[in-house]
Structures are given as C-alpha cells and as structure tokens.
PDB file of N, CA and C in Angstrom:
ATOM      1  N   MET A   1     109.342 127.811 179.701  1.00  0.00           N
ATOM      2  CA  MET A   1     108.996 128.983 178.917  1.00  0.00           C
ATOM      3  C   MET A   1     108.589 128.582 177.500  1.00  0.00           C
ATOM      4  N   LYS A   2     109.354 127.695 176.878  1.00  0.00           N
ATOM      5  CA  LYS A   2     109.042 127.258 175.521  1.00  0.00           C
ATOM      6  C   LYS A   2     107.709 126.520 175.481  1.00  0.00           C
ATOM      7  N   LYS A   3     107.425 125.762 176.528  1.00  0.00           N
ATOM      8  CA  LYS A   3     106.157 125.018 176.576  1.00  0.00           C
ATOM      9  C   LYS A   3     104.975 125.981 176.653  1.00  0.00           C
ATOM     10  N   ARG A   4     105.132 127.062 177.427  1.00  0.00           N
ATOM     11  CA  ARG A   4     104.047 128.050 177.538  1.00  0.00           C
ATOM     12  C   ARG A   4     103.778 128.732 176.195  1.00  0.00           C
ATOM     13  N   VAL A   5     104.862 129.113 175.529  1.00  0.00           N
ATOM     14  CA  VAL A   5     104.712 129.766 174.229  1.00  0.00           C
ATOM     15  C   VAL A   5     104.049 128.812 173.246  1.00  0.00           C
ATOM     16  N   LEU A   6     104.491 127.573 173.246  1.00  0.00           N
ATOM     17  CA  LEU A   6     103.902 126.565 172.352  1.00  0.00           C
ATOM     18  C   LEU A   6     102.428 126.360 172.683  1.00  0.00           C
ATOM     19  N   LEU A   7     102.119 126.270 173.976  1.00  0.00           N
ATOM     20  CA  LEU A   7     100.731 126.095 174.398  1.00  0.00           C
ATOM     21  C   LEU A   7      99.879 127.280 173.963  1.00  0.00           C
ATOM     22  N   LEU A   8     100.384 128.489 174.135  1.00  0.00           N
ATOM     23  CA  LEU A   8      99.638 129.676 173.705  1.00  0.00           C
ATOM     24  C   LEU A   8      99.424 129.684 172.198  1.00  0.00           C
ATOM     25  N   LEU A   9     100.426 129.300 171.447  1.00  0.00           N
ATOM     26  CA  LEU A   9     100.283 129.240 169.986  1.00  0.00           C
ATOM     27  C   LEU A   9      99.229 128.215 169.576  1.00  0.00           C
ATOM     28  N   VAL A  10      99.251 127.065 170.218  1.00  0.00           N
ATOM     29  CA  VAL A  10      98.257 126.027 169.910  1.00  0.00           C
ATOM     30  C   VAL A  10      96.859 126.510 170.268  1.00  0.00           C
ATOM     31  N   MET A  11      96.714 127.146 171.421  1.00  0.00           N
ATOM     32  CA  MET A  11      95.401 127.663 171.822  1.00  0.00           C
ATOM     33  C   MET A  11      94.913 128.725 170.840  1.00  0.00           C
ATOM     34  N   PHE A  12      95.793 129.602 170.402  1.00  0.00           N
ATOM     35  CA  PHE A  12      95.439 130.625 169.433  1.00  0.00           C
ATOM     36  C   PHE A  12      95.003 129.988 168.120  1.00  0.00           C
ATOM     37  N   TRP A  13      95.733 128.984 167.660  1.00  0.00           N
ATOM     38  CA  TRP A  13      95.410 128.309 166.406  1.00  0.00           C
ATOM     39  C   TRP A  13      94.054 127.621 166.485  1.00  0.00           C
ATOM     40  N   VAL A  14      93.798 126.926 167.590  1.00  0.00           N
ATOM     41  CA  VAL A  14      92.521 126.224 167.759  1.00  0.00           C
ATOM     42  C   VAL A  14      91.373 127.216 167.800  1.00  0.00           C
ATOM     43  N   THR A  15      91.544 128.310 168.534  1.00  0.00           N
ATOM     44  CA  THR A  15      90.500 129.334 168.614  1.00  0.00           C
ATOM     45  C   THR A  15      90.246 129.958 167.246  1.00  0.00           C
ATOM     46  N   SER A  16      91.296 130.283 166.536  1.00  0.00           N
ATOM     47  CA  SER A  16      91.155 130.867 165.201  1.00  0.00           C
ATOM     48  C   SER A  16      90.449 129.908 164.263  1.00  0.00           C
ATOM     49  N   PHE A  17      90.783 128.641 164.360  1.00  0.00           N
ATOM     50  CA  PHE A  17      90.167 127.620 163.510  1.00  0.00           C
ATOM     51  C   PHE A  17      88.672 127.530 163.791  1.00  0.00           C
ATOM     52  N   ALA A  18      88.296 127.517 165.060  1.00  0.00           N
ATOM     53  CA  ALA A  18      86.886 127.402 165.434  1.00  0.00           C
ATOM     54  C   ALA A  18      86.095 128.630 164.981  1.00  0.00           C
ATOM     55  N   LEU A  19      86.699 129.807 165.097  1.00  0.00           N
ATOM     56  CA  LEU A  19      85.991 131.025 164.726  1.00  0.00           C
ATOM     57  C   LEU A  19      85.911 131.233 163.222  1.00  0.00           C
ATOM     58  N   ALA A  20      86.746 130.546 162.470  1.00  0.00           N
ATOM     59  CA  ALA A  20      86.790 130.743 161.028  1.00  0.00           C
ATOM     60  C   ALA A  20      85.685 129.984 160.296  1.00  0.00           C
ATOM     61  N   GLN A  21      84.986 129.106 160.972  1.00  0.00           N
ATOM     62  CA  GLN A  21      83.937 128.349 160.316  1.00  0.00           C
ATOM     63  C   GLN A  21      82.774 129.267 159.943  1.00  0.00           C
ATOM     64  N   GLU A  22      82.251 129.043 158.772  1.00  0.00           N
ATOM     65  CA  GLU A  22      81.151 129.860 158.264  1.00  0.00           C
ATOM     66  C   GLU A  22      80.102 128.924 157.681  1.00  0.00           C
ATOM     67  N   GLN A  23      78.866 129.084 158.094  1.00  0.00           N
ATOM     68  CA  GLN A  23      77.769 128.270 157.580  1.00  0.00           C
ATOM     69  C   GLN A  23      76.986 129.041 156.535  1.00  0.00           C
ATOM     70  N   HIS A  24      76.621 128.345 155.464  1.00  0.00           N
ATOM     71  CA  HIS A  24      75.739 128.900 154.447  1.00  0.00           C
ATOM     72  C   HIS A  24      74.448 128.106 154.522  1.00  0.00           C
ATOM     73  N   LEU A  25      73.350 128.811 154.656  1.00  0.00           N
ATOM     74  CA  LEU A  25      72.044 128.182 154.821  1.00  0.00           C
ATOM     75  C   LEU A  25      71.116 128.570 153.684  1.00  0.00           C
ATOM     76  N   GLU A  26      70.102 127.749 153.501  1.00  0.00           N
ATOM     77  CA  GLU A  26      69.077 128.029 152.505  1.00  0.00           C
ATOM     78  C   GLU A  26      67.724 127.736 153.147  1.00  0.00           C
ATOM     79  N   VAL A  27      66.791 128.634 152.917  1.00  0.00           N
ATOM     80  CA  VAL A  27      65.438 128.418 153.429  1.00  0.00           C
ATOM     81  C   VAL A  27      64.435 128.862 152.362  1.00  0.00           C
ATOM     82  N   GLY A  28      63.480 128.007 152.085  1.00  0.00           N
ATOM     83  CA  GLY A  28      62.418 128.347 151.144  1.00  0.00           C
ATOM     84  C   GLY A  28      61.437 129.308 151.798  1.00  0.00           C
ATOM     85  N   ILE A  29      60.911 130.219 150.997  1.00  0.00           N
ATOM     86  CA  ILE A  29      59.943 131.196 151.508  1.00  0.00           C
ATOM     87  C   ILE A  29      58.803 131.303 150.507  1.00  0.00           C
ATOM     88  N   SER A  30      57.590 131.148 150.988  1.00  0.00           N
ATOM     89  CA  SER A  30      56.440 131.315 150.092  1.00  0.00           C
ATOM     90  C   SER A  30      55.651 132.549 150.517  1.00  0.00           C
ATOM     91  N   GLY A  31      54.954 133.122 149.545  1.00  0.00           N
ATOM     92  CA  GLY A  31      54.121 134.291 149.798  1.00  0.00           C
ATOM     93  C   GLY A  31      54.713 135.592 149.298  1.00  0.00           C
ATOM     94  N   MET A  32      55.943 135.569 148.826  1.00  0.00           N
ATOM     95  CA  MET A  32      56.558 136.796 148.307  1.00  0.00           C
ATOM     96  C   MET A  32      56.098 137.012 146.868  1.00  0.00           C
ATOM     97  N   VAL A  33      55.705 138.252 146.549  1.00  0.00           N
ATOM     98  CA  VAL A  33      55.211 138.534 145.206  1.00  0.00           C
ATOM     99  C   VAL A  33      55.940 139.683 144.503  1.00  0.00           C
ATOM    100  N   CYS A  34      56.788 140.404 145.253  1.00  0.00           N
ATOM    101  CA  CYS A  34      57.475 141.553 144.651  1.00  0.00           C
ATOM    102  C   CYS A  34      58.862 141.736 145.253  1.00  0.00           C
ATOM    103  N   LYS A  35      59.617 142.657 144.650  1.00  0.00           N
ATOM    104  CA  LYS A  35      60.965 142.930 145.142  1.00  0.00           C
ATOM    105  C   LYS A  35      60.944 143.504 146.558  1.00  0.00           C
ATOM    106  N   PHE A  36      59.912 144.256 146.878  1.00  0.00           N
ATOM    107  CA  PHE A  36      59.801 144.805 148.221  1.00  0.00           C
ATOM    108  C   PHE A  36      59.668 143.684 149.245  1.00  0.00           C
ATOM    109  N   CYS A  37      58.926 142.637 148.888  1.00  0.00           N
ATOM    110  CA  CYS A  37      58.783 141.484 149.788  1.00  0.00           C
ATOM    111  C   CYS A  37      60.149 140.876 150.087  1.00  0.00           C
ATOM    112  N   ALA A  38      60.924 140.652 149.033  1.00  0.00           N
ATOM    113  CA  ALA A  38      62.254 140.063 149.190  1.00  0.00           C
ATOM    114  C   ALA A  38      63.150 140.966 150.035  1.00  0.00           C
ATOM    115  N   HIS A  39      63.111 142.265 149.757  1.00  0.00           N
ATOM    116  CA  HIS A  39      63.914 143.218 150.519  1.00  0.00           C
ATOM    117  C   HIS A  39      63.500 143.224 151.993  1.00  0.00           C
ATOM    118  N   ASN A  40      62.218 143.138 152.249  1.00  0.00           N
ATOM    119  CA  ASN A  40      61.691 143.119 153.612  1.00  0.00           C
ATOM    120  C   ASN A  40      62.230 141.913 154.387  1.00  0.00           C
ATOM    121  N   VAL A  41      62.240 140.750 153.753  1.00  0.00           N
ATOM    122  CA  VAL A  41      62.763 139.540 154.400  1.00  0.00           C
ATOM    123  C   VAL A  41      64.264 139.700 154.662  1.00  0.00           C
ATOM    124  N   GLU A  42      65.004 140.195 153.679  1.00  0.00           N
ATOM    125  CA  GLU A  42      66.443 140.411 153.850  1.00  0.00           C
ATOM    126  C   GLU A  42      66.717 141.336 155.034  1.00  0.00           C
ATOM    127  N   LYS A  43      65.958 142.409 155.113  1.00  0.00           N
ATOM    128  CA  LYS A  43      66.135 143.390 156.188  1.00  0.00           C
ATOM    129  C   LYS A  43      65.894 142.752 157.558  1.00  0.00           C
ATOM    130  N   HIS A  44      64.827 141.987 157.666  1.00  0.00           N
ATOM    131  CA  HIS A  44      64.508 141.337 158.939  1.00  0.00           C
ATOM    132  C   HIS A  44      65.567 140.296 159.313  1.00  0.00           C
ATOM    133  N   LEU A  45      65.981 139.495 158.350  1.00  0.00           N
ATOM    134  CA  LEU A  45      66.983 138.454 158.629  1.00  0.00           C
ATOM    135  C   LEU A  45      68.331 139.069 159.017  1.00  0.00           C
ATOM    136  N   SER A  46      68.697 140.152 158.377  1.00  0.00           N
ATOM    137  CA  SER A  46      69.984 140.785 158.647  1.00  0.00           C
ATOM    138  C   SER A  46      70.095 141.317 160.071  1.00  0.00           C
ATOM    139  N   LYS A  47      68.974 141.578 160.701  1.00  0.00           N
ATOM    140  CA  LYS A  47      68.974 142.073 162.075  1.00  0.00           C
ATOM    141  C   LYS A  47      69.197 140.963 163.106  1.00  0.00           C
ATOM    142  N   LEU A  48      69.044 139.718 162.694  1.00  0.00           N
ATOM    143  CA  LEU A  48      69.185 138.593 163.610  1.00  0.00           C
ATOM    144  C   LEU A  48      70.652 138.387 163.968  1.00  0.00           C
ATOM    145  N   ASP A  49      70.935 138.254 165.247  1.00  0.00           N
ATOM    146  CA  ASP A  49      72.300 138.074 165.725  1.00  0.00           C
ATOM    147  C   ASP A  49      72.936 136.831 165.097  1.00  0.00           C
ATOM    148  N   GLY A  50      74.132 137.006 164.582  1.00  0.00           N
ATOM    149  CA  GLY A  50      74.865 135.889 164.004  1.00  0.00           C
ATOM    150  C   GLY A  50      74.778 135.793 162.499  1.00  0.00           C
ATOM    151  N   ILE A  51      73.850 136.530 161.894  1.00  0.00           N
ATOM    152  CA  ILE A  51      73.729 136.487 160.438  1.00  0.00           C
ATOM    153  C   ILE A  51      74.633 137.560 159.838  1.00  0.00           C
ATOM    154  N   LYS A  52      75.572 137.100 159.045  1.00  0.00           N
ATOM    155  CA  LYS A  52      76.523 137.998 158.384  1.00  0.00           C
ATOM    156  C   LYS A  52      75.894 138.627 157.146  1.00  0.00           C
ATOM    157  N   GLN A  53      75.162 137.808 156.392  1.00  0.00           N
ATOM    158  CA  GLN A  53      74.536 138.295 155.161  1.00  0.00           C
ATOM    159  C   GLN A  53      73.295 137.464 154.853  1.00  0.00           C
ATOM    160  N   ALA A  54      72.279 138.127 154.337  1.00  0.00           N
ATOM    161  CA  ALA A  54      71.062 137.448 153.906  1.00  0.00           C
ATOM    162  C   ALA A  54      70.663 138.010 152.553  1.00  0.00           C
ATOM    163  N   SER A  55      70.420 137.124 151.604  1.00  0.00           N
ATOM    164  CA  SER A  55      69.949 137.578 150.291  1.00  0.00           C
ATOM    165  C   SER A  55      68.808 136.674 149.864  1.00  0.00           C
ATOM    166  N   VAL A  56      67.803 137.287 149.273  1.00  0.00           N
ATOM    167  CA  VAL A  56      66.597 136.563 148.872  1.00  0.00           C
ATOM    168  C   VAL A  56      66.469 136.576 147.360  1.00  0.00           C
ATOM    169  N   ASN A  57      66.237 135.409 146.797  1.00  0.00           N
ATOM    170  CA  ASN A  57      65.974 135.273 145.371  1.00  0.00           C
ATOM    171  C   ASN A  57      64.462 135.146 145.215  1.00  0.00           C
ATOM    172  N   LEU A  58      63.847 136.209 144.746  1.00  0.00           N
ATOM    173  CA  LEU A  58      62.391 136.256 144.613  1.00  0.00           C
ATOM    174  C   LEU A  58      61.885 135.202 143.638  1.00  0.00           C
ATOM    175  N   ASP A  59      62.562 135.046 142.501  1.00  0.00           N
ATOM    176  CA  ASP A  59      62.116 134.091 141.480  1.00  0.00           C
ATOM    177  C   ASP A  59      62.110 132.649 141.992  1.00  0.00           C
ATOM    178  N   LYS A  60      63.102 132.303 142.787  1.00  0.00           N
ATOM    179  CA  LYS A  60      63.203 130.935 143.321  1.00  0.00           C
ATOM    180  C   LYS A  60      62.479 130.775 144.653  1.00  0.00           C
ATOM    181  N   GLY A  61      62.159 131.894 145.301  1.00  0.00           N
ATOM    182  CA  GLY A  61      61.507 131.829 146.607  1.00  0.00           C
ATOM    183  C   GLY A  61      62.421 131.235 147.669  1.00  0.00           C
ATOM    184  N   VAL A  62      63.690 131.673 147.645  1.00  0.00           N
ATOM    185  CA  VAL A  62      64.692 131.110 148.541  1.00  0.00           C
ATOM    186  C   VAL A  62      65.521 132.228 149.167  1.00  0.00           C
ATOM    187  N   ALA A  63      65.812 132.091 150.450  1.00  0.00           N
ATOM    188  CA  ALA A  63      66.742 132.992 151.130  1.00  0.00           C
ATOM    189  C   ALA A  63      68.050 132.242 151.329  1.00  0.00           C
ATOM    190  N   LEU A  64      69.146 132.892 150.981  1.00  0.00           N
ATOM    191  CA  LEU A  64      70.475 132.361 151.240  1.00  0.00           C
ATOM    192  C   LEU A  64      71.054 133.159 152.388  1.00  0.00           C
ATOM    193  N   ILE A  65      71.493 132.471 153.414  1.00  0.00           N
ATOM    194  CA  ILE A  65      71.959 133.114 154.636  1.00  0.00           C
ATOM    195  C   ILE A  65      73.390 132.671 154.922  1.00  0.00           C
ATOM    196  N   ILE A  66      74.248 133.632 155.210  1.00  0.00           N
ATOM    197  CA  ILE A  66      75.615 133.328 155.614  1.00  0.00           C
ATOM    198  C   ILE A  66      75.746 133.710 157.082  1.00  0.00           C
ATOM    199  N   MET A  67      76.086 132.724 157.891  1.00  0.00           N
ATOM    200  CA  MET A  67      76.270 132.967 159.314  1.00  0.00           C
ATOM    201  C   MET A  67      77.663 133.540 159.560  1.00  0.00           C
ATOM    202  N   ALA A  68      77.784 134.405 160.545  1.00  0.00           N
ATOM    203  CA  ALA A  68      79.081 134.960 160.922  1.00  0.00           C
ATOM    204  C   ALA A  68      79.973 133.831 161.417  1.00  0.00           C
ATOM    205  N   PRO A  69      81.265 133.938 161.193  1.00  0.00           N
ATOM    206  CA  PRO A  69      82.185 132.893 161.658  1.00  0.00           C
ATOM    207  C   PRO A  69      82.013 132.614 163.146  1.00  0.00           C
ATOM    208  N   GLY A  70      81.928 131.342 163.476  1.00  0.00           N
ATOM    209  CA  GLY A  70      81.778 130.934 164.871  1.00  0.00           C
ATOM    210  C   GLY A  70      80.349 130.937 165.375  1.00  0.00           C
ATOM    211  N   LYS A  71      79.403 131.416 164.581  1.00  0.00           N
ATOM    212  CA  LYS A  71      77.993 131.450 164.993  1.00  0.00           C
ATOM    213  C   LYS A  71      77.261 130.252 164.396  1.00  0.00           C
ATOM    214  N   GLN A  72      76.337 129.705 165.145  1.00  0.00           N
ATOM    215  CA  GLN A  72      75.535 128.590 164.679  1.00  0.00           C
ATOM    216  C   GLN A  72      74.122 129.076 164.364  1.00  0.00           C
ATOM    217  N   ALA A  73      73.540 128.486 163.364  1.00  0.00           N
ATOM    218  CA  ALA A  73      72.193 128.865 162.955  1.00  0.00           C
ATOM    219  C   ALA A  73      71.160 128.365 163.954  1.00  0.00           C
ATOM    220  N   ASN A  74      70.147 129.159 164.158  1.00  0.00           N
ATOM    221  CA  ASN A  74      69.011 128.754 164.960  1.00  0.00           C
ATOM    222  C   ASN A  74      67.813 128.742 164.017  1.00  0.00           C
ATOM    223  N   ALA A  75      67.479 127.551 163.521  1.00  0.00           N
ATOM    224  CA  ALA A  75      66.437 127.408 162.508  1.00  0.00           C
ATOM    225  C   ALA A  75      65.098 127.971 162.973  1.00  0.00           C
ATOM    226  N   GLU A  76      64.768 127.761 164.228  1.00  0.00           N
ATOM    227  CA  GLU A  76      63.483 128.249 164.733  1.00  0.00           C
ATOM    228  C   GLU A  76      63.438 129.775 164.741  1.00  0.00           C
ATOM    229  N   GLN A  77      64.539 130.418 165.103  1.00  0.00           N
ATOM    230  CA  GLN A  77      64.585 131.886 165.079  1.00  0.00           C
ATOM    231  C   GLN A  77      64.453 132.408 163.655  1.00  0.00           C
ATOM    232  N   ILE A  78      65.138 131.761 162.729  1.00  0.00           N
ATOM    233  CA  ILE A  78      65.082 132.185 161.332  1.00  0.00           C
ATOM    234  C   ILE A  78      63.649 132.067 160.813  1.00  0.00           C
ATOM    235  N   LYS A  79      62.999 130.959 161.107  1.00  0.00           N
ATOM    236  CA  LYS A  79      61.609 130.762 160.682  1.00  0.00           C
ATOM    237  C   LYS A  79      60.690 131.796 161.323  1.00  0.00           C
ATOM    238  N   LYS A  80      60.941 132.090 162.583  1.00  0.00           N
ATOM    239  CA  LYS A  80      60.116 133.065 163.312  1.00  0.00           C
ATOM    240  C   LYS A  80      60.244 134.452 162.681  1.00  0.00           C
ATOM    241  N   ILE A  81      61.456 134.839 162.305  1.00  0.00           N
ATOM    242  CA  ILE A  81      61.690 136.145 161.677  1.00  0.00           C
ATOM    243  C   ILE A  81      60.958 136.236 160.342  1.00  0.00           C
ATOM    244  N   ILE A  82      61.033 135.164 159.550  1.00  0.00           N
ATOM    245  CA  ILE A  82      60.357 135.155 158.243  1.00  0.00           C
ATOM    246  C   ILE A  82      58.849 135.243 158.433  1.00  0.00           C
ATOM    247  N   THR A  83      58.325 134.522 159.411  1.00  0.00           N
ATOM    248  CA  THR A  83      56.890 134.573 159.704  1.00  0.00           C
ATOM    249  C   THR A  83      56.490 135.972 160.163  1.00  0.00           C
ATOM    250  N   LYS A  84      57.323 136.575 161.015  1.00  0.00           N
ATOM    251  CA  LYS A  84      57.051 137.933 161.506  1.00  0.00           C
ATOM    252  C   LYS A  84      57.050 138.946 160.359  1.00  0.00           C
ATOM    253  N   ALA A  85      57.851 138.687 159.327  1.00  0.00           N
ATOM    254  CA  ALA A  85      57.880 139.576 158.156  1.00  0.00           C
ATOM    255  C   ALA A  85      56.641 139.393 157.282  1.00  0.00           C
ATOM    256  N   GLY A  86      55.854 138.347 157.560  1.00  0.00           N
ATOM    257  CA  GLY A  86      54.594 138.154 156.844  1.00  0.00           C
ATOM    258  C   GLY A  86      54.608 137.052 155.802  1.00  0.00           C
ATOM    259  N   PHE A  87      55.595 136.145 155.881  1.00  0.00           N
ATOM    260  CA  PHE A  87      55.717 135.095 154.867  1.00  0.00           C
ATOM    261  C   PHE A  87      55.829 133.723 155.520  1.00  0.00           C
ATOM    262  N   THR A  88      55.752 132.684 154.707  1.00  0.00           N
ATOM    263  CA  THR A  88      55.778 131.322 155.213  1.00  0.00           C
ATOM    264  C   THR A  88      57.142 130.688 154.928  1.00  0.00           C
ATOM    265  N   PRO A  89      57.874 130.324 155.993  1.00  0.00           N
ATOM    266  CA  PRO A  89      59.187 129.714 155.787  1.00  0.00           C
ATOM    267  C   PRO A  89      59.093 128.218 155.547  1.00  0.00           C
ATOM    268  N   GLY A  90      60.056 127.720 154.796  1.00  0.00           N
ATOM    269  CA  GLY A  90      60.208 126.277 154.613  1.00  0.00           C
ATOM    270  C   GLY A  90      61.275 125.785 155.577  1.00  0.00           C
ATOM    271  N   ASP A  91      61.845 124.635 155.269  1.00  0.00           N
ATOM    272  CA  ASP A  91      62.900 124.085 156.100  1.00  0.00           C
ATOM    273  C   ASP A  91      64.196 124.875 155.923  1.00  0.00           C
ATOM    274  N   VAL A  92      64.934 125.018 157.012  1.00  0.00           N
ATOM    275  CA  VAL A  92      66.250 125.646 156.985  1.00  0.00           C
ATOM    276  C   VAL A  92      67.264 124.521 156.863  1.00  0.00           C
ATOM    277  N   ARG A  93      68.117 124.613 155.830  1.00  0.00           N
ATOM    278  CA  ARG A  93      69.109 123.555 155.668  1.00  0.00           C
ATOM    279  C   ARG A  93      70.480 124.142 155.390  1.00  0.00           C
ATOM    280  N   VAL A  94      71.495 123.454 155.862  1.00  0.00           N
ATOM    281  CA  VAL A  94      72.878 123.867 155.635  1.00  0.00           C
ATOM    282  C   VAL A  94      73.263 123.410 154.224  1.00  0.00           C
ATOM    283  N   VAL A  95      73.731 124.353 153.426  1.00  0.00           N
ATOM    284  CA  VAL A  95      74.155 124.009 152.059  1.00  0.00           C
ATOM    285  C   VAL A  95      75.669 123.996 151.933  1.00  0.00           C
ATOM    286  N   LYS A  96      76.354 124.635 152.896  1.00  0.00           N
ATOM    287  CA  LYS A  96      77.808 124.679 152.841  1.00  0.00           C
ATOM    288  C   LYS A  96      78.337 125.083 154.206  1.00  0.00           C
ATOM    289  N   SER A  97      79.410 124.458 154.617  1.00  0.00           N
ATOM    290  CA  SER A  97      80.082 124.823 155.844  1.00  0.00           C
ATOM    291  C   SER A  97      81.572 124.873 155.546  1.00  0.00           C
ATOM    292  N   THR A  98      82.164 126.067 155.718  1.00  0.00           N
ATOM    293  CA  THR A  98      83.565 126.245 155.381  1.00  0.00           C
ATOM    294  C   THR A  98      84.421 126.349 156.632  1.00  0.00           C
ATOM    295  N   GLN A  99      85.708 126.177 156.446  1.00  0.00           N
ATOM    296  CA  GLN A  99      86.638 126.302 157.569  1.00  0.00           C
ATOM    297  C   GLN A  99      87.792 127.151 157.156  1.00  0.00           C
TER     298      GLN A  99
END
C-alpha cells in the first residue's frame, strides 16, 4: 500500500513538473507599419493552439510568444500564421524556457 501511494506521488510530481515548463519565443516580423498591423499579428498568433500569450513590439519588429505549459512551439506553424496575416516572419528562437 505504501509503495502504491509513493508511486502515485512520484507520478504526480513528474507529470506536474513536465506540464509546468513554459517556453518564451521571439520571432522577427517585417512589413508591419502601424499599430493595427501589430494587433493583427497578435490576434492571429493567439488563436494558434498552445500559445498562451503573444505580444508584438512594432518598433522592434518582434513578436514575443509564451507557450502554454507543456506545449512545444511549432516554428513552421508560427511562420505560416504570420505569413497568412500578411507579413514576413524571421527565425523563431527560444529566448527562455522555465520550469
């Protein structure tokens, strides 16, 4: 009985640990000229499964993306969404990964 409880606790801890990871990504975007452009990209990115938050800095031409805990980024999907919004994406890179 004690072994089962211990095993369940360990499994719960491992699962919680894996789900608690959060990735922060950065992707350059060219072609944006106004606040509406930035808002449009944010709106499109926020609809993508696994993205917890997306914010675009118009002055720097960069989108900062926070992935939901336990979700992994799909760089090609992110680039496709930005292209579909009418802009040119740069490379998607991980800037921070937390646990």
